[in-house]
Amino acid sequence: PPASQNNEQGSTLRDLLTTTAGKLRLGSTDAGIAFAPVYSTGAASGKTGRTMPNILDDIIASVVENKIPPNRAPKINVKSEIKDEPKDDKKCIQDDCSKRYSDIQYSWICDKHVLWLRDHKNSNNWKLFKECWKQGRPVLVSGMHKKMNFSLWKAEAISLDFGNQQADILNCKDSIISNTNVKEFWDGFEDVSKRQKVKNGETALLKLKDWPSGEDFKAMMPARYEDLLKSLPLPEYCSPEGKLNLASHLPGFFVRPDLGPRLCSAYGVAATKDHDIGTTNLHIEVSDVVNILVYVGIAKGNGVLSKSGVLKKLEEEDLDDLLRKRLKDSSELPGALWHIYAGKDADKIREFLQKIAKEQGLEVLPEHDPIRDQSWYVNKKLRQRLFEEYGVKTCTVIQFLGDAIILPAGALHQV
């Protein structure tokens, strides 16, 4: 806006409210906003046909429009968007939207709870994604690694470039964190003989937790940061510049959550005796999350499950038929096993875990929240009990190399 307006538009929400509302009360149409004031035209409006404008609508319009730089994508035609939307979203989901989206390659997995977009290059993917996203359903997009510079994400490349860095390494079994040289972690990533051993001689299951993260990621790994950003699925939603990415258009006085990106690296459980532990315990994220599997290492050494052994383990899971079919495809490389729950089941799961803790003789404090504290990996036996005793069904998803899993805020998951 012109310099003359800068003095009038306050830097705080209070100033913004008072200056904008004051101008609207005076009937001014030049309140420094992009949209005209919103008036109702009901019977109560009398002869003039207008009542007091909806102050909040005008203020929101002012804030959002004035915060978008001119080089951003043009604003969406809201009326045309609404006109094109189906009247019954649930019916559209149930009917697979086959007529509306015949040009999109997609399937439904996990009893139609998860949308699988099979062609990452289709520029119309976002239209079907929108229908699914409105209902808070997870989405899987495959093939993202085909857009990336694969050599940047190899374990040996990261170790070579950043091996001298120090970082926190988590032992996934006992949750002990140690600060050590990153090279030690990467040396054992695919060579089990170089992994740390715990007291009983068992191989440790280690995780390099959120290293690097956020601004550190961009500063430390600029080439990888750019490679990731250009390869994001559904850029209309996921890209920082995406026209439908609400976080990109929040006013400066909003406190934003940490939107990353974060690099999460962990050993697989294939080389451990205990397959009932995970590298990420059950938890909830406060913002929507997109997780792309950029590299899958093949562990070698004594005690490691063979490829057929890994596939057999995965086939023991409660899998969708389409996921079983993917497992048999030799061109696909499975790397992570996800269990996902809807946010509406959080209270039931919380109650169940507290019940299990008491059964195991653990002290359960009144303020203890097992989900917030990320203290549980719900194994197969417990998942069965959760379904039988609370009616909560687990959505099981295998993440293959190049798969992006997009989760709505509030969804519970473990990996």
Protein backbone atom coordinates (compact mmCIF):
# COMPACT_ATOMS: atom_id res chain seq x y z
CA PRO A 1 0.00 0.00 0.00
CA PRO A 2 1.06 3.65 -0.44
CA ALA A 3 3.10 5.24 2.33
CA SER A 4 0.12 7.35 3.40
CA GLN A 5 -1.79 4.18 4.27
CA ASN A 6 0.99 2.65 6.31
CA ASN A 7 0.39 5.07 9.19
CA GLU A 8 -3.32 4.27 9.24
CA GLN A 9 -3.05 0.48 9.11
CA GLY A 10 -1.91 -0.52 12.57
CA SER A 11 0.84 -3.05 13.15
CA THR A 12 -1.27 -4.88 15.72
CA LEU A 13 -4.61 -6.63 15.46
CA ARG A 14 -6.13 -4.06 17.85
CA ASP A 15 -5.02 -1.17 15.62
CA LEU A 16 -6.24 -2.93 12.52
CA LEU A 17 -9.67 -3.53 14.05
CA THR A 18 -10.12 0.04 15.23
CA THR A 19 -8.86 1.82 12.10
CA THR A 20 -10.79 -0.34 9.64
CA ALA A 21 -14.00 -0.48 11.69
CA GLY A 22 -13.90 3.30 12.25
CA LYS A 23 -13.70 4.01 8.54
CA LEU A 24 -16.52 1.61 7.76
CA ARG A 25 -18.79 3.23 10.37
CA LEU A 26 -18.23 6.57 8.65
CA GLY A 27 -19.47 5.03 5.42
CA SER A 28 -16.13 5.38 3.66
CA THR A 29 -15.53 3.07 0.74
CA ASP A 30 -11.81 3.76 0.90
CA ALA A 31 -10.83 1.86 4.02
CA GLY A 32 -7.60 0.60 2.51
CA ILE A 33 -9.16 -2.78 1.76
CA ALA A 34 -9.26 -4.81 -1.41
CA PHE A 35 -12.89 -5.95 -1.17
CA ALA A 36 -15.96 -3.69 -0.97
CA PRO A 37 -17.80 -3.76 2.39
CA VAL A 38 -20.23 -6.65 2.83
CA TYR A 39 -23.87 -5.55 3.35
CA SER A 40 -26.92 -7.69 3.97
CA THR A 41 -30.00 -7.15 1.82
CA GLY A 42 -32.66 -8.73 4.05
CA ALA A 43 -36.00 -7.27 5.17
CA ALA A 44 -34.36 -5.55 8.12
CA SER A 45 -32.34 -3.37 5.79
CA GLY A 46 -35.28 -1.04 5.15
CA LYS A 47 -35.54 1.35 2.21
CA THR A 48 -31.81 1.70 1.67
CA GLY A 49 -31.36 -2.02 1.06
CA ARG A 50 -28.18 -2.02 3.19
CA THR A 51 -27.38 -2.59 6.82
CA MET A 52 -24.17 -2.15 8.76
CA PRO A 53 -21.35 -3.97 6.95
CA ASN A 54 -19.97 -7.19 8.37
CA ILE A 55 -16.87 -5.66 9.95
CA LEU A 56 -15.10 -8.98 10.44
CA ASP A 57 -15.50 -9.99 6.77
CA ASP A 58 -14.01 -6.67 5.67
CA ILE A 59 -11.10 -6.91 8.06
CA ILE A 60 -10.28 -10.45 6.99
CA ALA A 61 -10.43 -9.36 3.35
CA SER A 62 -8.12 -6.45 4.14
CA VAL A 63 -5.59 -8.54 5.99
CA VAL A 64 -5.44 -11.39 3.50
CA GLU A 65 -5.39 -9.30 0.35
CA ASN A 66 -2.88 -6.73 1.58
CA LYS A 67 -0.49 -9.45 2.75
CA ILE A 68 -0.19 -11.13 -0.66
CA PRO A 69 2.64 -9.61 -2.71
CA PRO A 70 1.80 -8.75 -6.34
CA ASN A 71 4.14 -11.44 -7.70
CA ARG A 72 2.08 -14.21 -6.10
CA ALA A 73 -0.48 -16.24 -8.01
CA PRO A 74 -3.74 -14.35 -8.63
CA LYS A 75 -6.51 -14.84 -6.11
CA ILE A 76 -9.06 -17.55 -6.79
CA ASN A 77 -12.47 -16.71 -8.22
CA VAL A 78 -14.41 -17.82 -5.17
CA LYS A 79 -17.82 -17.83 -6.88
CA SER A 80 -16.73 -20.10 -9.71
CA GLU A 81 -14.98 -22.44 -7.25
CA ILE A 82 -18.15 -22.85 -5.22
CA LYS A 83 -20.33 -23.32 -8.30
CA ASP A 84 -18.20 -26.24 -9.51
CA GLU A 85 -18.25 -28.15 -6.22
CA PRO A 86 -20.51 -31.19 -5.82
CA LYS A 87 -23.57 -30.87 -3.62
CA ASP A 88 -22.87 -34.04 -1.67
CA ASP A 89 -19.20 -34.55 -0.80
CA LYS A 90 -19.75 -37.89 0.92
CA LYS A 91 -21.67 -39.28 -2.03
CA CYS A 92 -18.82 -38.19 -4.30
CA ILE A 93 -16.31 -40.04 -2.13
CA GLN A 94 -18.47 -43.16 -2.00
CA ASP A 95 -19.01 -43.18 -5.75
CA ASP A 96 -15.26 -42.78 -6.27
CA CYS A 97 -15.94 -39.52 -8.13
CA SER A 98 -15.34 -41.62 -11.25
CA LYS A 99 -17.37 -39.40 -13.59
CA ARG A 100 -16.07 -36.06 -12.29
CA TYR A 101 -12.40 -37.08 -12.25
CA SER A 102 -12.05 -39.60 -15.08
CA ASP A 103 -8.76 -37.96 -16.16
CA ILE A 104 -7.05 -38.67 -12.80
CA GLN A 105 -5.34 -41.98 -11.98
CA TYR A 106 -6.35 -42.83 -8.42
CA SER A 107 -7.55 -45.60 -6.11
CA TRP A 108 -9.02 -45.85 -2.62
CA ILE A 109 -7.24 -47.91 0.03
CA CYS A 110 -7.93 -48.77 3.69
CA ASP A 111 -11.71 -49.19 3.19
CA LYS A 112 -11.85 -45.96 1.18
CA HIS A 113 -10.30 -44.02 4.05
CA VAL A 114 -7.13 -43.08 2.14
CA LEU A 115 -6.95 -41.58 -1.36
CA TRP A 116 -4.06 -42.89 -3.47
CA LEU A 117 -3.06 -40.55 -6.32
CA ARG A 118 -1.03 -42.76 -8.64
CA ASP A 119 0.26 -40.19 -11.16
CA HIS A 120 2.18 -37.39 -9.44
CA LYS A 121 2.47 -35.45 -12.73
CA ASN A 122 -1.27 -34.92 -13.26
CA SER A 123 -1.96 -31.21 -12.87
CA ASN A 124 -5.60 -31.90 -11.92
CA ASN A 125 -4.77 -33.99 -8.85
CA TRP A 126 -5.54 -31.06 -6.55
CA LYS A 127 -9.22 -31.06 -7.55
CA LEU A 128 -9.81 -34.59 -6.27
CA PHE A 129 -7.48 -33.97 -3.33
CA LYS A 130 -9.70 -31.05 -2.31
CA GLU A 131 -12.77 -33.30 -2.09
CA CYS A 132 -10.89 -35.77 0.10
CA TRP A 133 -9.18 -33.10 2.22
CA LYS A 134 -12.47 -31.47 3.20
CA GLN A 135 -13.35 -34.70 4.99
CA GLY A 136 -10.02 -34.91 6.83
CA ARG A 137 -8.81 -38.05 5.05
CA PRO A 138 -5.11 -38.92 4.55
CA VAL A 139 -3.74 -38.92 0.99
CA LEU A 140 -0.95 -40.95 -0.63
CA VAL A 141 0.87 -39.66 -3.74
CA SER A 142 3.34 -42.06 -5.37
CA GLY A 143 6.35 -41.52 -7.63
CA MET A 144 7.72 -38.29 -6.11
CA HIS A 145 11.31 -39.62 -6.27
CA LYS A 146 11.11 -39.49 -10.08
CA LYS A 147 11.14 -35.68 -9.85
CA MET A 148 14.07 -35.54 -7.42
CA ASN A 149 17.84 -35.66 -7.77
CA PHE A 150 18.21 -39.10 -6.19
CA SER A 151 22.00 -38.82 -5.72
CA LEU A 152 21.51 -36.00 -3.19
CA TRP A 153 19.51 -38.21 -0.83
CA LYS A 154 21.75 -41.28 -0.67
CA ALA A 155 23.02 -42.10 2.82
CA GLU A 156 26.69 -41.97 1.78
CA ALA A 157 26.20 -38.56 0.12
CA ILE A 158 24.69 -37.02 3.27
CA SER A 159 27.40 -38.63 5.42
CA LEU A 160 30.14 -37.32 3.13
CA ASP A 161 28.76 -33.76 3.16
CA PHE A 162 27.75 -33.49 6.83
CA GLY A 163 29.49 -36.30 8.71
CA ASN A 164 31.39 -33.88 10.95
CA GLN A 165 28.16 -32.36 12.36
CA GLN A 166 26.95 -33.09 15.89
CA ALA A 167 23.31 -34.08 16.43
CA ASP A 168 20.93 -35.75 18.87
CA ILE A 169 20.50 -39.46 18.21
CA LEU A 170 17.57 -41.30 19.78
CA ASN A 171 17.63 -44.96 20.80
CA CYS A 172 14.09 -45.93 19.80
CA LYS A 173 13.80 -48.80 22.28
CA ASP A 174 14.61 -47.00 25.53
CA SER A 175 14.18 -43.37 24.38
CA ILE A 176 17.70 -42.43 25.50
CA ILE A 177 19.09 -39.46 23.57
CA SER A 178 22.81 -38.92 23.03
CA ASN A 179 24.66 -36.15 21.24
CA THR A 180 27.18 -37.63 18.87
CA ASN A 181 28.90 -37.32 15.52
CA VAL A 182 26.46 -37.73 12.61
CA LYS A 183 28.98 -39.89 10.70
CA GLU A 184 28.60 -42.68 13.27
CA PHE A 185 24.88 -42.86 12.54
CA TRP A 186 25.32 -42.91 8.75
CA ASP A 187 28.17 -45.46 8.84
CA GLY A 188 25.74 -47.96 10.35
CA PHE A 189 22.77 -47.01 8.18
CA GLU A 190 23.27 -49.93 5.79
CA ASP A 191 26.19 -51.77 7.45
CA VAL A 192 24.81 -53.45 10.58
CA SER A 193 28.31 -54.38 11.80
CA LYS A 194 29.03 -50.66 12.34
CA ARG A 195 25.92 -49.98 14.41
CA GLN A 196 26.04 -49.30 18.14
CA LYS A 197 25.39 -52.20 20.48
CA VAL A 198 23.41 -52.00 23.71
CA LYS A 199 24.38 -53.73 26.98
CA ASN A 200 23.09 -57.19 26.05
CA GLY A 201 24.93 -57.05 22.72
CA GLU A 202 21.78 -56.34 20.74
CA THR A 203 21.97 -53.93 17.81
CA ALA A 204 20.57 -50.50 18.69
CA LEU A 205 17.65 -49.07 16.71
CA LEU A 206 18.69 -45.44 16.22
CA LYS A 207 16.96 -42.38 14.84
CA LEU A 208 18.50 -39.08 13.78
CA LYS A 209 15.63 -36.95 15.00
CA ASP A 210 14.61 -33.88 12.98
CA TRP A 211 18.13 -33.11 11.78
CA PRO A 212 18.29 -30.62 10.25
CA SER A 213 15.01 -28.73 10.64
CA GLY A 214 13.35 -25.52 9.44
CA GLU A 215 15.70 -22.65 8.68
CA ASP A 216 18.69 -24.85 9.58
CA PHE A 217 17.69 -27.22 6.78
CA LYS A 218 17.65 -24.40 4.22
CA ALA A 219 20.95 -22.93 5.44
CA MET A 220 22.79 -26.24 5.80
CA MET A 221 21.43 -28.07 2.76
CA PRO A 222 20.42 -25.46 0.15
CA ALA A 223 20.66 -27.84 -2.83
CA ARG A 224 18.54 -30.47 -1.07
CA TYR A 225 16.10 -27.82 0.12
CA GLU A 226 15.54 -26.60 -3.45
CA ASP A 227 15.27 -30.18 -4.74
CA LEU A 228 12.61 -30.93 -2.13
CA LEU A 229 10.58 -27.78 -2.81
CA LYS A 230 10.42 -28.33 -6.56
CA SER A 231 9.35 -31.93 -5.99
CA LEU A 232 6.51 -31.40 -3.50
CA PRO A 233 3.23 -33.12 -4.37
CA LEU A 234 0.11 -31.04 -4.98
CA PRO A 235 2.06 -27.74 -5.08
CA GLU A 236 -1.21 -25.75 -4.92
CA TYR A 237 -1.46 -26.92 -1.30
CA CYS A 238 2.03 -28.07 -0.27
CA SER A 239 4.34 -25.47 -1.79
CA PRO A 240 5.17 -22.40 0.35
CA GLU A 241 3.91 -20.32 -2.59
CA GLY A 242 0.82 -22.48 -3.15
CA LYS A 243 -2.37 -20.48 -3.73
CA LEU A 244 -4.30 -22.86 -1.43
CA ASN A 245 -1.60 -23.07 1.26
CA LEU A 246 -3.26 -21.00 3.98
CA ALA A 247 -0.10 -20.82 6.11
CA SER A 248 1.63 -18.85 3.35
CA HIS A 249 -0.99 -16.10 3.51
CA LEU A 250 -1.30 -15.65 7.28
CA PRO A 251 -0.67 -12.09 8.49
CA GLY A 252 2.64 -11.47 10.21
CA PHE A 253 1.13 -11.18 13.69
CA PHE A 254 -0.02 -14.83 13.66
CA VAL A 255 2.18 -17.29 15.54
CA ARG A 256 2.88 -20.07 13.07
CA PRO A 257 3.73 -23.69 13.93
CA ASP A 258 7.11 -25.02 12.80
CA LEU A 259 6.37 -25.97 9.19
CA GLY A 260 9.80 -27.50 8.60
CA PRO A 261 11.07 -29.00 6.46
CA ARG A 262 12.66 -31.65 8.66
CA LEU A 263 14.88 -34.57 7.71
CA CYS A 264 13.90 -37.70 9.68
CA SER A 265 16.28 -40.64 9.31
CA ALA A 266 16.13 -43.97 11.14
CA TYR A 267 17.42 -47.53 11.01
CA GLY A 268 14.89 -50.19 10.07
CA VAL A 269 13.68 -52.85 12.50
CA ALA A 270 14.82 -55.62 10.10
CA ALA A 271 18.12 -55.99 11.99
CA THR A 272 16.57 -56.00 15.49
CA LYS A 273 15.16 -58.92 17.47
CA ASP A 274 12.21 -56.90 18.72
CA HIS A 275 9.86 -56.04 15.86
CA ASP A 276 7.27 -54.56 18.22
CA ILE A 277 9.02 -51.21 18.45
CA GLY A 278 8.76 -48.28 16.07
CA THR A 279 10.99 -45.42 15.02
CA THR A 280 8.15 -42.92 15.61
CA ASN A 281 5.72 -43.59 18.44
CA LEU A 282 2.03 -42.78 18.31
CA HIS A 283 1.48 -39.01 18.29
CA ILE A 284 -0.44 -36.07 16.81
CA GLU A 285 0.94 -33.20 14.72
CA VAL A 286 -0.47 -29.69 15.24
CA SER A 287 -0.34 -28.85 11.52
CA ASP A 288 -0.98 -30.73 8.30
CA VAL A 289 2.06 -32.81 7.32
CA VAL A 290 3.51 -34.12 4.06
CA ASN A 291 6.11 -36.88 4.51
CA ILE A 292 8.12 -37.97 1.45
CA LEU A 293 10.21 -41.15 1.54
CA VAL A 294 13.31 -39.97 -0.34
CA TYR A 295 15.64 -42.93 0.32
CA VAL A 296 15.41 -46.56 1.43
CA GLY A 297 18.62 -48.25 2.58
CA ILE A 298 19.10 -52.02 2.33
CA ALA A 299 20.75 -53.22 5.54
CA LYS A 300 23.44 -55.88 5.26
CA GLY A 301 25.06 -58.01 7.97
CA ASN A 302 24.41 -60.81 10.44
CA GLY A 303 20.88 -61.16 11.77
CA VAL A 304 19.26 -59.01 9.10
CA LEU A 305 16.04 -60.23 7.55
CA SER A 306 16.31 -61.03 3.85
CA LYS A 307 14.15 -59.16 1.36
CA SER A 308 11.70 -62.06 1.31
CA GLY A 309 11.70 -62.05 5.13
CA VAL A 310 10.83 -58.35 5.19
CA LEU A 311 8.02 -58.87 2.68
CA LYS A 312 6.68 -61.78 4.73
CA LYS A 313 6.63 -59.59 7.85
CA LEU A 314 4.73 -56.86 6.00
CA GLU A 315 2.24 -59.37 4.58
CA GLU A 316 1.33 -60.34 8.16
CA GLU A 317 -0.16 -56.87 8.58
CA ASP A 318 -3.84 -56.12 8.00
CA LEU A 319 -3.29 -54.79 4.49
CA ASP A 320 -5.51 -53.55 1.72
CA ASP A 321 -5.50 -55.79 -1.42
CA LEU A 322 -3.93 -53.00 -3.48
CA LEU A 323 -1.04 -52.70 -1.00
CA ARG A 324 -0.49 -56.47 -1.13
CA LYS A 325 -0.33 -56.17 -4.90
CA ARG A 326 2.28 -53.38 -4.63
CA LEU A 327 4.40 -55.58 -2.37
CA LYS A 328 4.62 -58.18 -5.14
CA ASP A 329 5.79 -55.56 -7.67
CA SER A 330 9.58 -55.92 -7.98
CA SER A 331 9.93 -52.31 -9.16
CA GLU A 332 8.53 -50.99 -5.84
CA LEU A 333 10.74 -50.66 -2.75
CA PRO A 334 8.89 -50.68 0.60
CA GLY A 335 10.51 -48.60 3.32
CA ALA A 336 8.11 -47.66 6.13
CA LEU A 337 5.02 -49.07 7.81
CA TRP A 338 2.43 -46.55 9.00
CA HIS A 339 -0.55 -46.98 11.32
CA ILE A 340 -2.97 -44.06 11.10
CA TYR A 341 -6.04 -43.17 13.18
CA ALA A 342 -8.66 -40.47 12.73
CA GLY A 343 -8.53 -37.52 15.14
CA LYS A 344 -12.06 -38.33 16.39
CA ASP A 345 -10.70 -41.54 17.95
CA ALA A 346 -8.05 -39.76 20.05
CA ASP A 347 -10.00 -39.91 23.33
CA LYS A 348 -10.75 -43.63 22.94
CA ILE A 349 -7.09 -44.39 22.16
CA ARG A 350 -5.95 -42.27 25.11
CA GLU A 351 -8.29 -44.16 27.45
CA PHE A 352 -7.15 -47.51 26.03
CA LEU A 353 -3.44 -46.76 26.51
CA GLN A 354 -4.01 -45.63 30.10
CA LYS A 355 -5.88 -48.88 30.70
CA ILE A 356 -2.98 -50.92 29.25
CA ALA A 357 -0.47 -48.97 31.36
CA LYS A 358 -2.40 -49.87 34.54
CA GLU A 359 -2.53 -53.52 33.47
CA GLN A 360 1.26 -53.46 33.11
CA GLY A 361 1.65 -51.98 36.59
CA LEU A 362 2.82 -48.60 35.36
CA GLU A 363 2.00 -45.45 37.33
CA VAL A 364 -0.61 -43.35 35.51
CA LEU A 365 -0.59 -39.75 36.72
CA PRO A 366 -3.75 -37.61 36.27
CA GLU A 367 -1.95 -35.15 33.98
CA HIS A 368 -0.28 -37.90 31.93
CA ASP A 369 -1.24 -37.94 28.24
CA PRO A 370 0.23 -41.02 26.47
CA ILE A 371 -0.32 -39.48 23.02
CA ARG A 372 1.21 -36.09 23.79
CA ASP A 373 4.16 -37.77 25.52
CA GLN A 374 4.69 -40.12 22.55
CA SER A 375 5.33 -42.96 24.96
CA TRP A 376 3.65 -45.82 23.05
CA TYR A 377 4.16 -47.82 19.89
CA VAL A 378 0.92 -49.79 19.56
CA ASN A 379 1.96 -53.30 18.47
CA LYS A 380 -0.16 -55.81 16.56
CA LYS A 381 -1.65 -57.43 19.67
CA LEU A 382 -2.66 -54.06 21.13
CA ARG A 383 -4.09 -52.90 17.79
CA GLN A 384 -6.35 -55.97 17.80
CA ARG A 385 -7.49 -55.24 21.36
CA LEU A 386 -8.11 -51.59 20.47
CA PHE A 387 -10.50 -52.73 17.74
CA GLU A 388 -12.23 -55.41 19.83
CA GLU A 389 -12.67 -53.34 22.99
CA TYR A 390 -13.15 -49.81 21.60
CA GLY A 391 -14.19 -50.34 17.98
CA VAL A 392 -11.21 -48.31 16.71
CA LYS A 393 -9.83 -49.73 13.48
CA THR A 394 -6.25 -49.17 12.38
CA CYS A 395 -5.53 -47.80 8.91
CA THR A 396 -2.34 -49.58 7.79
CA VAL A 397 -0.29 -48.03 4.98
CA ILE A 398 3.02 -49.17 3.53
CA GLN A 399 5.13 -46.25 2.30
CA PHE A 400 7.27 -47.15 -0.70
CA LEU A 401 10.25 -45.20 -2.05
CA GLY A 402 8.93 -41.93 -3.50
CA ASP A 403 5.59 -42.06 -1.69
CA ALA A 404 4.32 -38.84 -0.12
CA ILE A 405 1.89 -39.34 2.76
CA ILE A 406 -0.20 -36.24 3.50
CA LEU A 407 -1.89 -36.18 6.90
CA PRO A 408 -4.44 -33.67 8.19
CA ALA A 409 -3.70 -31.96 11.49
CA GLY A 410 -5.06 -34.01 14.40
CA ALA A 411 -4.58 -37.42 12.74
CA LEU A 412 -2.77 -39.90 15.01
CA HIS A 413 0.03 -41.96 13.51
CA GLN A 414 3.05 -44.11 14.25
CA VAL A 415 5.83 -45.36 11.93
